[in-house]
């Protein structure tokens, strides 16, 4: 019988070392951005991340900022990405290092105690379908960042395709897709028929400053963005949005209200990046926001 859980969300994902526009390495991965979302939501929340111990010092500000909310598990390697921006809306990504795979042992070590678990894969191999089965057997509801569906686990320029196994979405309760990921998954325009084919009860497709669409029970609802924040680098915005959305759903909010809350949070956090230099754009999100 599934154990009783506390209403809330646990975020699981790999740490990432990001090199943005040639600047010094900075902390990345959902763990580096979800804290402000969980804190703002006010419910039970925790972040458990994995990365090589030799790289943990880079993430000390994350632990200093959020304390016991964050736990870092040791691994034999840390994910790493190079991100080069043409402007605030377009970036070129390269996979510099492939992170660890979350298996049953990692789930046991993380031991999430919340009703919801949000999986934040950086590449398709981070959370195999067998791991999702373990979480479902424990009794968790599962949210999943759709970049894990489309990002191939190959070094070099990031390859995105729709070659994910169907079993990967079979146990999901919420799937979040950015616009470009939705196009890849659908092999064209994402619509209600695509959502029905995927079979996930709740699907969010985000469009940046244009808001998001929520697909549920054969219907689609557009939720506008809180307000546009232009001229800023948006790394981590999707992580903050999804973590806040799931945290609000775990607290009992309906999908529209959860999306509105998430959109407001992201707009506030991006507003604080206005005028910040490229070499400083990510790091303050760990130590200075919220």
Protein backbone atom coordinates (compact mmCIF):
# COMPACT_ATOMS: atom_id res chain seq x y z
CA UNK A 1 0.00 0.00 0.00
CA UNK A 2 1.39 3.46 -0.89
CA UNK A 3 2.67 5.37 2.11
CA UNK A 4 0.99 8.61 3.25
CA UNK A 5 2.67 11.74 1.90
CA UNK A 6 2.69 15.42 2.81
CA UNK A 7 0.84 17.66 0.31
CA UNK A 8 3.59 19.39 -1.67
CA UNK A 9 6.21 18.80 -4.34
CA UNK A 10 9.74 17.42 -4.44
CA UNK A 11 11.86 18.50 -7.41
CA UNK A 12 14.33 15.89 -8.66
CA UNK A 13 16.99 16.65 -11.24
CA UNK A 14 20.66 16.84 -12.10
CA UNK A 15 22.86 19.78 -11.32
CA UNK A 16 24.31 21.46 -14.38
CA UNK A 17 27.37 23.57 -15.00
CA UNK A 18 26.34 26.28 -17.47
CA UNK A 19 28.75 28.34 -19.55
CA UNK A 20 26.70 31.27 -20.85
CA UNK A 21 28.07 33.46 -23.63
CA UNK A 22 31.62 32.39 -22.74
CA UNK A 23 31.40 33.60 -19.13
CA UNK A 24 32.70 31.72 -16.10
CA UNK A 25 30.85 28.51 -15.16
CA UNK A 26 27.60 29.18 -13.33
CA UNK A 27 25.11 26.91 -11.53
CA UNK A 28 22.35 25.50 -13.72
CA UNK A 29 19.73 22.80 -13.80
CA UNK A 30 16.27 23.07 -12.32
CA UNK A 31 17.69 22.82 -8.79
CA UNK A 32 19.34 26.21 -9.27
CA UNK A 33 16.05 27.93 -10.08
CA UNK A 34 13.22 25.97 -8.42
CA UNK A 35 13.94 27.22 -4.90
CA UNK A 36 12.41 30.65 -5.42
CA UNK A 37 9.31 28.98 -6.86
CA UNK A 38 8.85 26.56 -3.97
CA UNK A 39 9.53 29.30 -1.44
CA UNK A 40 7.00 31.64 -3.04
CA UNK A 41 4.36 28.90 -3.12
CA UNK A 42 4.51 28.48 0.62
CA UNK A 43 3.72 24.76 0.73
CA UNK A 44 5.86 21.75 1.50
CA UNK A 45 8.71 21.70 -0.99
CA UNK A 46 12.12 20.13 -1.40
CA UNK A 47 14.80 19.90 -4.06
CA UNK A 48 17.07 16.89 -4.46
CA UNK A 49 19.81 17.10 -7.09
CA UNK A 50 22.75 14.99 -8.21
CA UNK A 51 26.22 15.99 -9.30
CA UNK A 52 29.88 15.09 -8.84
CA UNK A 53 31.26 16.02 -5.42
CA UNK A 54 34.17 17.89 -7.02
CA UNK A 55 31.62 20.34 -8.45
CA UNK A 56 29.48 20.84 -5.36
CA UNK A 57 31.28 24.04 -4.32
CA UNK A 58 29.80 25.84 -7.33
CA UNK A 59 26.38 25.24 -5.82
CA UNK A 60 27.20 26.38 -2.27
CA UNK A 61 25.17 29.59 -2.74
CA UNK A 62 22.15 27.40 -3.45
CA UNK A 63 22.57 25.66 -0.10
CA UNK A 64 23.29 28.95 1.65
CA UNK A 65 20.16 30.51 0.18
CA UNK A 66 17.68 27.68 0.75
CA UNK A 67 19.21 25.57 3.51
CA UNK A 68 17.44 22.30 4.26
CA UNK A 69 15.11 22.75 1.31
CA UNK A 70 17.96 21.52 -0.92
CA UNK A 71 19.85 18.23 -0.76
CA UNK A 72 22.66 17.29 -3.15
CA UNK A 73 23.43 13.62 -3.74
CA UNK A 74 26.89 12.53 -4.91
CA UNK A 75 27.40 11.19 -8.42
CA UNK A 76 30.31 10.30 -10.66
CA UNK A 77 29.72 13.26 -13.01
CA UNK A 78 27.87 16.54 -13.46
CA UNK A 79 25.87 17.69 -16.46
CA UNK A 80 27.31 20.64 -18.35
CA UNK A 81 26.04 22.87 -21.14
CA UNK A 82 27.32 25.75 -23.21
CA UNK A 83 24.68 28.36 -24.04
CA UNK A 84 25.29 31.16 -26.54
CA UNK A 85 22.58 33.75 -27.08
CA UNK A 86 21.98 35.57 -30.38
CA UNK A 87 19.52 37.78 -28.54
CA UNK A 88 17.19 37.31 -25.56
CA UNK A 89 14.93 34.91 -27.46
CA UNK A 90 17.32 32.62 -29.34
CA UNK A 91 20.16 30.50 -28.04
CA UNK A 92 22.50 27.83 -29.31
CA UNK A 93 23.20 24.97 -26.90
CA UNK A 94 25.93 22.39 -26.74
CA UNK A 95 26.15 19.38 -24.43
CA UNK A 96 29.53 19.47 -22.73
CA UNK A 97 28.95 16.60 -20.26
CA UNK A 98 26.13 14.08 -19.77
CA UNK A 99 24.90 13.79 -16.21
CA UNK A 100 24.01 10.75 -14.07
CA UNK A 101 20.97 8.53 -14.54
CA UNK A 102 18.35 8.45 -11.79
CA UNK A 103 17.60 4.84 -10.94
CA UNK A 104 15.81 3.10 -8.09
CA UNK A 105 18.78 3.60 -5.74
CA UNK A 106 18.79 7.35 -6.35
CA UNK A 107 15.04 7.53 -5.67
CA UNK A 108 15.56 5.61 -2.44
CA UNK A 109 18.33 8.02 -1.43
CA UNK A 110 16.18 11.05 -2.26
CA UNK A 111 13.18 9.48 -0.50
CA UNK A 112 10.59 12.11 -1.49
CA UNK A 113 7.85 12.54 1.12
CA UNK A 114 5.49 14.77 -0.88
CA UNK A 115 2.37 13.89 -2.83
CA UNK A 116 3.88 15.28 -6.04
CA UNK A 117 7.30 14.74 -7.59
CA UNK A 118 8.46 17.02 -10.36
CA UNK A 119 11.10 15.47 -12.61
CA UNK A 120 13.40 17.99 -14.28
CA UNK A 121 15.50 16.05 -16.81
CA UNK A 122 18.22 17.84 -18.75
CA UNK A 123 18.50 15.02 -21.29
CA UNK A 124 16.32 12.07 -22.27
CA UNK A 125 18.31 9.53 -20.26
CA UNK A 126 18.10 11.31 -16.88
CA UNK A 127 14.88 9.56 -15.81
CA UNK A 128 14.21 6.23 -17.58
CA UNK A 129 10.67 4.86 -17.70
CA UNK A 130 11.62 2.26 -15.05
CA UNK A 131 12.34 5.09 -12.63
CA UNK A 132 8.94 6.64 -13.29
CA UNK A 133 7.42 3.23 -12.52
CA UNK A 134 9.22 3.24 -9.16
CA UNK A 135 7.80 6.66 -8.31
CA UNK A 136 4.30 5.65 -9.38
CA UNK A 137 4.51 2.49 -7.27
CA UNK A 138 5.43 4.65 -4.27
CA UNK A 139 2.17 6.52 -4.79
CA UNK A 140 3.46 9.85 -6.11
CA UNK A 141 1.79 12.00 -8.74
CA UNK A 142 4.40 12.86 -11.37
CA UNK A 143 5.10 16.09 -13.25
CA UNK A 144 7.74 16.12 -15.98
CA UNK A 145 9.62 18.78 -17.93
CA UNK A 146 9.23 17.90 -21.60
CA UNK A 147 12.75 18.90 -22.58
CA UNK A 148 13.59 15.42 -21.34
CA UNK A 149 11.47 13.97 -24.14
CA UNK A 150 13.26 15.70 -26.98
CA UNK A 151 16.91 16.15 -25.93
CA UNK A 152 19.17 13.35 -27.09
CA UNK A 153 22.01 12.22 -24.82
CA UNK A 154 24.87 13.08 -27.15
CA UNK A 155 27.88 15.34 -26.70
CA UNK A 156 28.27 18.32 -28.98
CA UNK A 157 25.59 20.59 -30.44
CA UNK A 158 22.26 19.79 -28.79
CA UNK A 159 20.18 17.34 -30.83
CA UNK A 160 16.41 17.46 -30.38
CA UNK A 161 14.10 14.83 -31.87
CA UNK A 162 10.87 12.97 -31.11
CA UNK A 163 12.44 9.52 -30.60
CA UNK A 164 11.37 9.19 -26.97
CA UNK A 165 9.79 5.88 -25.87
CA UNK A 166 6.01 6.03 -25.49
CA UNK A 167 6.33 4.46 -22.04
CA UNK A 168 8.03 7.62 -20.82
CA UNK A 169 4.76 9.57 -20.81
CA UNK A 170 2.47 6.73 -19.72
CA UNK A 171 2.81 7.44 -15.98
CA UNK A 172 2.79 11.25 -16.07
CA UNK A 173 0.10 13.40 -14.48
CA UNK A 174 1.49 16.73 -15.76
CA UNK A 175 3.69 17.33 -18.79
CA UNK A 176 5.16 20.78 -19.48
CA UNK A 177 6.43 21.59 -22.96
CA UNK A 178 8.04 24.77 -24.21
CA UNK A 179 6.75 25.88 -27.61
CA UNK A 180 9.70 24.50 -29.57
CA UNK A 181 9.52 21.19 -27.70
CA UNK A 182 5.79 20.92 -28.40
CA UNK A 183 6.43 21.32 -32.14
CA UNK A 184 8.98 18.50 -32.04
CA UNK A 185 6.72 16.18 -30.02
CA UNK A 186 3.77 16.85 -32.34
CA UNK A 187 5.88 16.80 -35.51
CA UNK A 188 4.06 20.01 -36.40
CA UNK A 189 1.49 22.19 -34.68
CA UNK A 190 0.59 21.00 -31.20
CA UNK A 191 -3.17 20.72 -30.77
CA UNK A 192 -5.87 18.87 -28.83
CA UNK A 193 -5.43 15.79 -31.01
CA UNK A 194 -1.73 15.65 -30.08
CA UNK A 195 -2.57 16.03 -26.41
CA UNK A 196 -5.09 13.21 -26.65
CA UNK A 197 -2.54 10.99 -28.40
CA UNK A 198 0.02 11.56 -25.65
CA UNK A 199 -2.56 10.60 -23.03
CA UNK A 200 -1.19 12.79 -20.22
CA UNK A 201 -4.10 14.16 -18.13
CA UNK A 202 -2.66 17.69 -17.92
CA UNK A 203 -0.34 19.23 -20.52
CA UNK A 204 1.06 22.76 -20.47
CA UNK A 205 2.56 24.34 -23.58
CA UNK A 206 4.37 27.57 -22.74
CA UNK A 207 4.91 30.48 -25.14
CA UNK A 208 7.15 32.81 -23.14
CA UNK A 209 5.73 36.31 -22.95
CA UNK A 210 2.58 35.13 -24.75
CA UNK A 211 1.46 32.89 -21.89
CA UNK A 212 0.60 29.18 -21.99
CA UNK A 213 -2.03 26.71 -23.13
CA UNK A 214 -3.40 24.07 -20.74
CA UNK A 215 -4.79 20.88 -22.28
CA UNK A 216 -7.18 18.90 -20.05
CA UNK A 217 -10.11 16.59 -20.69
CA UNK A 218 -10.21 17.35 -24.41
CA UNK A 219 -10.26 21.12 -23.95
CA UNK A 220 -7.60 23.82 -24.14
CA UNK A 221 -7.42 27.01 -22.07
CA UNK A 222 -5.09 29.93 -22.86
CA UNK A 223 -3.64 31.70 -19.81
CA UNK A 224 -1.94 35.02 -20.69
CA UNK A 225 1.45 35.90 -19.25
CA UNK A 226 1.36 38.19 -16.22
CA UNK A 227 3.28 40.93 -18.08
CA UNK A 228 6.10 40.93 -20.64
CA UNK A 229 9.69 41.40 -19.48
CA UNK A 230 11.84 42.18 -22.49
CA UNK A 231 15.57 42.53 -22.98
CA UNK A 232 16.62 39.91 -20.45
CA UNK A 233 18.23 36.48 -20.68
CA UNK A 234 15.64 33.88 -19.70
CA UNK A 235 17.70 30.87 -18.55
CA UNK A 236 15.78 29.12 -15.76
CA UNK A 237 12.43 30.78 -16.46
CA UNK A 238 10.84 27.50 -17.52
CA UNK A 239 12.16 25.74 -14.42
CA UNK A 240 10.72 28.43 -12.15
CA UNK A 241 7.39 28.39 -13.97
CA UNK A 242 6.93 24.63 -13.81
CA UNK A 243 8.05 24.26 -10.20
CA UNK A 244 5.67 27.03 -9.14
CA UNK A 245 2.82 25.56 -11.20
CA UNK A 246 3.20 22.08 -9.71
CA UNK A 247 3.60 23.46 -6.18
CA UNK A 248 0.33 25.35 -6.54
CA UNK A 249 -1.44 22.31 -8.00
CA UNK A 250 -0.16 20.27 -5.05
CA UNK A 251 -1.62 22.90 -2.72
CA UNK A 252 -5.04 22.51 -4.33
CA UNK A 253 -5.10 25.33 -6.90
CA UNK A 254 -6.93 24.74 -10.17
CA UNK A 255 -4.79 24.74 -13.34
CA UNK A 256 -5.63 28.30 -14.42
CA UNK A 257 -4.84 29.78 -11.02
CA UNK A 258 -1.64 27.74 -10.77
CA UNK A 259 -0.53 29.02 -14.19
CA UNK A 260 -1.33 32.61 -13.23
CA UNK A 261 0.68 32.32 -10.04
CA UNK A 262 3.60 30.77 -11.93
CA UNK A 263 3.51 33.47 -14.60
CA UNK A 264 3.55 36.24 -11.97
CA UNK A 265 6.54 34.67 -10.23
CA UNK A 266 8.56 34.39 -13.43
CA UNK A 267 7.78 37.98 -14.45
CA UNK A 268 8.93 39.26 -11.06
CA UNK A 269 12.14 37.24 -11.16
CA UNK A 270 12.97 38.24 -14.75
CA UNK A 271 12.29 41.87 -13.91
CA UNK A 272 15.16 41.71 -11.45
CA UNK A 273 17.51 40.72 -14.27
CA UNK A 274 16.89 43.90 -16.26
CA UNK A 275 20.19 45.72 -16.68
CA UNK A 276 22.31 42.86 -15.31
CA UNK A 277 25.41 41.99 -17.35
CA UNK A 278 25.63 38.65 -19.18
CA UNK A 279 28.30 37.29 -16.85
CA UNK A 280 26.01 37.89 -13.86
CA UNK A 281 22.66 36.88 -15.27
CA UNK A 282 22.30 33.42 -13.81
CA UNK A 283 24.15 33.48 -10.52
CA UNK A 284 21.99 36.13 -8.80
CA UNK A 285 18.97 33.86 -9.30
CA UNK A 286 20.50 31.56 -6.68
CA UNK A 287 21.72 34.05 -4.16
CA UNK A 288 19.68 37.20 -4.51
CA UNK A 289 16.12 36.57 -5.63
CA UNK A 290 12.92 35.67 -3.88
